[in-house]
Amino acid sequence: MRHLFVIVFLLFPFFCSHAEEHIVFYRFGIKDPAAWNQLRTYFVTKGYRISFYEGADNLEGHVENVNRINRLNASLLIAMDYSVSSKNRLVVAVTTAKKGKGNIRAFDEVPAVHETESRALAGLVAGAFKKNVKEFPLFPLLGVDMPGIFLGVESTPDQSTEVLDKLHDSLQKYFKRGRKDERQRKG
């Protein structure tokens, strides 16, 4: 019995290495139910908590979504256009939002608070796919008070699992980097 306890104790971190991570997917573009269901299933089986929000096409709807998203206390947001098609394409982007000079942030300045974390995440994701990070004034990230990136993915059905594997590996590197940095600050 003691050996079983030791084995469980040693393997527990591997099974729960990212169960505390909560990812918000803000869906844009073609909303192919089969592709999004595949994405949901993939990340849930990896142990993540997942939330999906439909992208808004007007500011009022976006503000309502962002207010709900910010209350989640999630780890990060991925504004994503995901589809399975006959081509393989990928775009990773961060927002061009800049911090203002005052103590109170305007709605369009909020993403700049997490600029360093967002750029780190974008760099890891883009690096996994051997792509460059683009910079755009991204509407989906306006007001989002957590690290966030835009990810445009179009993949063939036979490549979709590989794409999700690379995204998962990038997220793991991002989350482990954060834990290591926290331990260094505390130690």
C-alpha atoms as a PDB file:
ATOM      1  CA  MET A   1       0.000   0.000   0.000  1.00  0.00           C
ATOM      2  CA  ARG A   2       2.840   2.355   0.817  1.00  0.00           C
ATOM      3  CA  HIS A   3       4.364   1.769  -2.632  1.00  0.00           C
ATOM      4  CA  LEU A   4       1.080   2.667  -4.293  1.00  0.00           C
ATOM      5  CA  PHE A   5       0.961   5.911  -2.321  1.00  0.00           C
ATOM      6  CA  VAL A   6       4.534   6.761  -3.382  1.00  0.00           C
ATOM      7  CA  ILE A   7       3.745   6.065  -7.050  1.00  0.00           C
ATOM      8  CA  VAL A   8       0.580   8.182  -6.942  1.00  0.00           C
ATOM      9  CA  PHE A   9       2.445  10.952  -5.136  1.00  0.00           C
ATOM     10  CA  LEU A  10       5.213  10.972  -7.753  1.00  0.00           C
ATOM     11  CA  LEU A  11       2.902  10.838 -10.773  1.00  0.00           C
ATOM     12  CA  PHE A  12       0.260  13.283  -9.499  1.00  0.00           C
ATOM     13  CA  PRO A  13       2.062  16.411 -10.778  1.00  0.00           C
ATOM     14  CA  PHE A  14       2.174  14.971 -14.297  1.00  0.00           C
ATOM     15  CA  PHE A  15      -1.573  14.384 -14.401  1.00  0.00           C
ATOM     16  CA  CYS A  16      -2.459  17.715 -12.842  1.00  0.00           C
ATOM     17  CA  SER A  17       0.294  19.881 -14.242  1.00  0.00           C
ATOM     18  CA  HIS A  18      -2.086  22.393 -15.737  1.00  0.00           C
ATOM     19  CA  ALA A  19      -5.522  21.603 -14.292  1.00  0.00           C
ATOM     20  CA  GLU A  20      -5.594  24.999 -12.611  1.00  0.00           C
ATOM     21  CA  GLU A  21      -5.184  26.800 -15.938  1.00  0.00           C
ATOM     22  CA  HIS A  22      -8.303  28.389 -17.370  1.00  0.00           C
ATOM     23  CA  ILE A  23      -8.259  29.410 -21.027  1.00  0.00           C
ATOM     24  CA  VAL A  24     -10.860  31.608 -22.674  1.00  0.00           C
ATOM     25  CA  PHE A  25     -11.389  31.134 -26.397  1.00  0.00           C
ATOM     26  CA  TYR A  26     -13.055  34.144 -28.023  1.00  0.00           C
ATOM     27  CA  ARG A  27     -14.410  32.703 -31.269  1.00  0.00           C
ATOM     28  CA  PHE A  28     -14.272  34.584 -34.556  1.00  0.00           C
ATOM     29  CA  GLY A  29     -14.664  33.728 -38.210  1.00  0.00           C
ATOM     30  CA  ILE A  30     -16.241  30.511 -39.419  1.00  0.00           C
ATOM     31  CA  LYS A  31     -17.818  28.746 -36.479  1.00  0.00           C
ATOM     32  CA  ASP A  32     -17.521  25.161 -37.708  1.00  0.00           C
ATOM     33  CA  PRO A  33     -19.096  23.136 -34.862  1.00  0.00           C
ATOM     34  CA  ALA A  34     -17.027  20.013 -35.591  1.00  0.00           C
ATOM     35  CA  ALA A  35     -13.716  21.915 -35.496  1.00  0.00           C
ATOM     36  CA  TRP A  36     -14.595  23.781 -32.299  1.00  0.00           C
ATOM     37  CA  ASN A  37     -15.849  20.590 -30.672  1.00  0.00           C
ATOM     38  CA  GLN A  38     -12.536  18.938 -31.533  1.00  0.00           C
ATOM     39  CA  LEU A  39     -10.671  21.884 -29.970  1.00  0.00           C
ATOM     40  CA  ARG A  40     -12.835  21.772 -26.821  1.00  0.00           C
ATOM     41  CA  THR A  41     -12.451  18.010 -26.425  1.00  0.00           C
ATOM     42  CA  TYR A  42      -8.706  18.173 -26.977  1.00  0.00           C
ATOM     43  CA  PHE A  43      -8.054  20.813 -24.317  1.00  0.00           C
ATOM     44  CA  VAL A  44     -10.511  19.384 -21.790  1.00  0.00           C
ATOM     45  CA  THR A  45      -8.807  15.975 -22.031  1.00  0.00           C
ATOM     46  CA  LYS A  46      -5.493  17.750 -21.402  1.00  0.00           C
ATOM     47  CA  GLY A  47      -6.927  19.023 -18.110  1.00  0.00           C
ATOM     48  CA  TYR A  48      -7.613  22.681 -18.889  1.00  0.00           C
ATOM     49  CA  ARG A  49     -10.710  24.557 -17.860  1.00  0.00           C
ATOM     50  CA  ILE A  50     -12.138  26.048 -21.042  1.00  0.00           C
ATOM     51  CA  SER A  51     -14.615  28.856 -21.675  1.00  0.00           C
ATOM     52  CA  PHE A  52     -15.934  29.842 -25.076  1.00  0.00           C
ATOM     53  CA  TYR A  53     -17.370  33.228 -25.998  1.00  0.00           C
ATOM     54  CA  GLU A  54     -18.756  34.217 -29.349  1.00  0.00           C
ATOM     55  CA  GLY A  55     -16.949  37.186 -30.849  1.00  0.00           C
ATOM     56  CA  ALA A  56     -19.069  40.312 -31.097  1.00  0.00           C
ATOM     57  CA  ASP A  57     -19.270  42.436 -34.210  1.00  0.00           C
ATOM     58  CA  ASN A  58     -20.147  45.648 -32.368  1.00  0.00           C
ATOM     59  CA  LEU A  59     -18.672  47.503 -29.416  1.00  0.00           C
ATOM     60  CA  GLU A  60     -21.688  47.108 -27.139  1.00  0.00           C
ATOM     61  CA  GLY A  61     -21.707  43.312 -27.479  1.00  0.00           C
ATOM     62  CA  HIS A  62     -17.950  43.206 -27.068  1.00  0.00           C
ATOM     63  CA  VAL A  63     -18.078  45.241 -23.832  1.00  0.00           C
ATOM     64  CA  GLU A  64     -20.680  42.827 -22.421  1.00  0.00           C
ATOM     65  CA  ASN A  65     -18.481  39.844 -23.337  1.00  0.00           C
ATOM     66  CA  VAL A  66     -15.333  41.448 -21.916  1.00  0.00           C
ATOM     67  CA  ASN A  67     -17.057  42.225 -18.617  1.00  0.00           C
ATOM     68  CA  ARG A  68     -18.026  38.538 -18.280  1.00  0.00           C
ATOM     69  CA  ILE A  69     -14.571  37.345 -19.404  1.00  0.00           C
ATOM     70  CA  ASN A  70     -12.709  39.590 -16.959  1.00  0.00           C
ATOM     71  CA  ARG A  71     -14.792  38.219 -14.067  1.00  0.00           C
ATOM     72  CA  LEU A  72     -13.617  34.659 -14.839  1.00  0.00           C
ATOM     73  CA  ASN A  73     -10.128  35.222 -13.431  1.00  0.00           C
ATOM     74  CA  ALA A  74      -8.813  33.084 -16.294  1.00  0.00           C
ATOM     75  CA  SER A  75      -5.151  32.521 -17.113  1.00  0.00           C
ATOM     76  CA  LEU A  76      -5.317  33.888 -20.656  1.00  0.00           C
ATOM     77  CA  LEU A  77      -7.508  34.667 -23.645  1.00  0.00           C
ATOM     78  CA  ILE A  78      -7.039  33.421 -27.175  1.00  0.00           C
ATOM     79  CA  ALA A  79      -9.122  35.308 -29.720  1.00  0.00           C
ATOM     80  CA  MET A  80      -9.306  32.643 -32.368  1.00  0.00           C
ATOM     81  CA  ASP A  81     -10.464  32.103 -35.908  1.00  0.00           C
ATOM     82  CA  TYR A  82     -10.299  28.324 -36.245  1.00  0.00           C
ATOM     83  CA  SER A  83     -11.387  26.212 -39.183  1.00  0.00           C
ATOM     84  CA  VAL A  84     -10.617  22.920 -40.863  1.00  0.00           C
ATOM     85  CA  SER A  85     -10.277  23.266 -44.621  1.00  0.00           C
ATOM     86  CA  SER A  86      -8.085  22.253 -47.548  1.00  0.00           C
ATOM     87  CA  LYS A  87      -5.195  24.597 -46.633  1.00  0.00           C
ATOM     88  CA  ASN A  88      -2.780  25.100 -43.755  1.00  0.00           C
ATOM     89  CA  ARG A  89      -2.411  28.707 -42.558  1.00  0.00           C
ATOM     90  CA  LEU A  90      -1.551  30.302 -39.269  1.00  0.00           C
ATOM     91  CA  VAL A  91      -1.369  33.867 -37.952  1.00  0.00           C
ATOM     92  CA  VAL A  92      -0.276  34.815 -34.450  1.00  0.00           C
ATOM     93  CA  ALA A  93      -0.798  38.446 -33.436  1.00  0.00           C
ATOM     94  CA  VAL A  94      -0.609  40.736 -30.433  1.00  0.00           C
ATOM     95  CA  THR A  95      -2.329  44.044 -29.963  1.00  0.00           C
ATOM     96  CA  THR A  96      -0.683  47.393 -30.567  1.00  0.00           C
ATOM     97  CA  ALA A  97      -2.443  48.877 -27.506  1.00  0.00           C
ATOM     98  CA  LYS A  98      -0.239  51.223 -25.475  1.00  0.00           C
ATOM     99  CA  LYS A  99      -0.422  52.266 -21.832  1.00  0.00           C
ATOM    100  CA  GLY A 100      -1.627  55.752 -21.077  1.00  0.00           C
ATOM    101  CA  LYS A 101       0.012  58.126 -18.643  1.00  0.00           C
ATOM    102  CA  GLY A 102      -2.749  58.260 -16.052  1.00  0.00           C
ATOM    103  CA  ASN A 103      -3.581  55.903 -13.202  1.00  0.00           C
ATOM    104  CA  ILE A 104      -6.965  54.990 -14.649  1.00  0.00           C
ATOM    105  CA  ARG A 105      -6.825  52.902 -17.822  1.00  0.00           C
ATOM    106  CA  ALA A 106      -9.074  53.610 -20.766  1.00  0.00           C
ATOM    107  CA  PHE A 107     -10.876  50.613 -22.290  1.00  0.00           C
ATOM    108  CA  ASP A 108      -8.427  50.463 -25.186  1.00  0.00           C
ATOM    109  CA  GLU A 109      -5.381  50.667 -22.863  1.00  0.00           C
ATOM    110  CA  VAL A 110      -6.244  47.677 -20.656  1.00  0.00           C
ATOM    111  CA  PRO A 111      -4.521  45.005 -22.836  1.00  0.00           C
ATOM    112  CA  ALA A 112      -1.250  46.953 -22.628  1.00  0.00           C
ATOM    113  CA  VAL A 113      -1.063  46.124 -18.903  1.00  0.00           C
ATOM    114  CA  HIS A 114      -0.378  42.505 -19.937  1.00  0.00           C
ATOM    115  CA  GLU A 115       1.848  43.337 -22.891  1.00  0.00           C
ATOM    116  CA  THR A 116       4.904  41.417 -21.661  1.00  0.00           C
ATOM    117  CA  GLU A 117       2.953  38.230 -20.906  1.00  0.00           C
ATOM    118  CA  SER A 118       1.002  38.470 -24.168  1.00  0.00           C
ATOM    119  CA  ARG A 119       4.170  38.882 -26.210  1.00  0.00           C
ATOM    120  CA  ALA A 120       5.783  35.934 -24.405  1.00  0.00           C
ATOM    121  CA  LEU A 121       2.763  33.755 -25.170  1.00  0.00           C
ATOM    122  CA  ALA A 122       2.627  34.897 -28.801  1.00  0.00           C
ATOM    123  CA  GLY A 123       6.351  34.238 -29.209  1.00  0.00           C
ATOM    124  CA  LEU A 124       6.028  30.688 -27.888  1.00  0.00           C
ATOM    125  CA  VAL A 125       3.018  29.898 -30.095  1.00  0.00           C
ATOM    126  CA  ALA A 126       4.558  31.462 -33.195  1.00  0.00           C
ATOM    127  CA  GLY A 127       7.866  29.713 -32.519  1.00  0.00           C
ATOM    128  CA  ALA A 128       6.175  26.307 -32.380  1.00  0.00           C
ATOM    129  CA  PHE A 129       4.815  26.909 -35.877  1.00  0.00           C
ATOM    130  CA  LYS A 130       7.957  28.673 -37.162  1.00  0.00           C
ATOM    131  CA  LYS A 131       5.998  31.876 -37.817  1.00  0.00           C
ATOM    132  CA  ASN A 132       6.530  35.510 -36.878  1.00  0.00           C
ATOM    133  CA  VAL A 133       4.345  37.417 -34.454  1.00  0.00           C
ATOM    134  CA  LYS A 134       2.317  40.175 -36.114  1.00  0.00           C
ATOM    135  CA  GLU A 135       1.096  43.370 -34.469  1.00  0.00           C
ATOM    136  CA  PHE A 136      -2.394  44.705 -35.158  1.00  0.00           C
ATOM    137  CA  PRO A 137      -4.882  46.961 -33.382  1.00  0.00           C
ATOM    138  CA  LEU A 138      -6.982  43.958 -32.332  1.00  0.00           C
ATOM    139  CA  PHE A 139     -10.646  44.609 -31.567  1.00  0.00           C
ATOM    140  CA  PRO A 140     -11.119  41.256 -29.742  1.00  0.00           C
ATOM    141  CA  LEU A 141      -8.541  42.202 -27.102  1.00  0.00           C
ATOM    142  CA  LEU A 142      -9.975  45.634 -26.258  1.00  0.00           C
ATOM    143  CA  GLY A 143     -10.671  45.793 -22.515  1.00  0.00           C
ATOM    144  CA  VAL A 144      -9.393  42.276 -21.800  1.00  0.00           C
ATOM    145  CA  ASP A 145      -7.636  42.298 -18.430  1.00  0.00           C
ATOM    146  CA  MET A 146      -5.436  39.219 -18.886  1.00  0.00           C
ATOM    147  CA  PRO A 147      -2.720  38.120 -21.293  1.00  0.00           C
ATOM    148  CA  GLY A 148      -4.198  37.606 -24.734  1.00  0.00           C
ATOM    149  CA  ILE A 149      -3.311  36.903 -28.340  1.00  0.00           C
ATOM    150  CA  PHE A 150      -5.081  36.505 -31.660  1.00  0.00           C
ATOM    151  CA  LEU A 151      -4.654  33.164 -33.379  1.00  0.00           C
ATOM    152  CA  GLY A 152      -5.906  32.507 -36.888  1.00  0.00           C
ATOM    153  CA  VAL A 153      -5.719  28.809 -37.734  1.00  0.00           C
ATOM    154  CA  GLU A 154      -6.785  27.040 -40.876  1.00  0.00           C
ATOM    155  CA  SER A 155      -5.694  23.418 -41.126  1.00  0.00           C
ATOM    156  CA  THR A 156      -6.391  20.309 -43.127  1.00  0.00           C
ATOM    157  CA  PRO A 157      -8.255  17.526 -41.306  1.00  0.00           C
ATOM    158  CA  ASP A 158      -5.140  15.350 -41.128  1.00  0.00           C
ATOM    159  CA  GLN A 159      -3.072  18.228 -39.653  1.00  0.00           C
ATOM    160  CA  SER A 160      -5.604  19.484 -37.087  1.00  0.00           C
ATOM    161  CA  THR A 161      -4.376  17.247 -34.247  1.00  0.00           C
ATOM    162  CA  GLU A 162      -0.783  18.277 -34.930  1.00  0.00           C
ATOM    163  CA  VAL A 163      -1.810  21.948 -34.785  1.00  0.00           C
ATOM    164  CA  LEU A 164      -3.555  21.413 -31.443  1.00  0.00           C
ATOM    165  CA  ASP A 165      -0.520  19.495 -30.125  1.00  0.00           C
ATOM    166  CA  LYS A 166       1.790  22.396 -30.988  1.00  0.00           C
ATOM    167  CA  LEU A 167      -0.598  24.902 -29.405  1.00  0.00           C
ATOM    168  CA  HIS A 168      -0.805  22.756 -26.260  1.00  0.00           C
ATOM    169  CA  ASP A 169       2.997  22.455 -26.072  1.00  0.00           C
ATOM    170  CA  SER A 170       3.309  26.239 -26.405  1.00  0.00           C
ATOM    171  CA  LEU A 171       0.763  26.805 -23.652  1.00  0.00           C
ATOM    172  CA  GLN A 172       2.593  24.371 -21.385  1.00  0.00           C
ATOM    173  CA  LYS A 173       5.873  26.218 -21.941  1.00  0.00           C
ATOM    174  CA  TYR A 174       4.119  29.507 -21.185  1.00  0.00           C
ATOM    175  CA  PHE A 175       2.519  28.226 -17.974  1.00  0.00           C
ATOM    176  CA  LYS A 176       5.681  26.482 -16.754  1.00  0.00           C
ATOM    177  CA  ARG A 177       7.689  29.640 -17.453  1.00  0.00           C
ATOM    178  CA  GLY A 178       5.334  31.557 -15.189  1.00  0.00           C
ATOM    179  CA  ARG A 179       5.609  29.049 -12.357  1.00  0.00           C
ATOM    180  CA  LYS A 180       9.413  29.037 -12.572  1.00  0.00           C
ATOM    181  CA  ASP A 181       9.486  32.846 -12.453  1.00  0.00           C
ATOM    182  CA  GLU A 182       7.169  32.848  -9.413  1.00  0.00           C
ATOM    183  CA  ARG A 183       9.410  30.390  -7.545  1.00  0.00           C
ATOM    184  CA  GLN A 184      12.467  32.511  -8.335  1.00  0.00           C
ATOM    185  CA  ARG A 185      10.782  35.633  -6.935  1.00  0.00           C
ATOM    186  CA  LYS A 186       9.714  33.842  -3.755  1.00  0.00           C
ATOM    187  CA  GLY A 187      13.049  32.018  -3.273  1.00  0.00           C
END
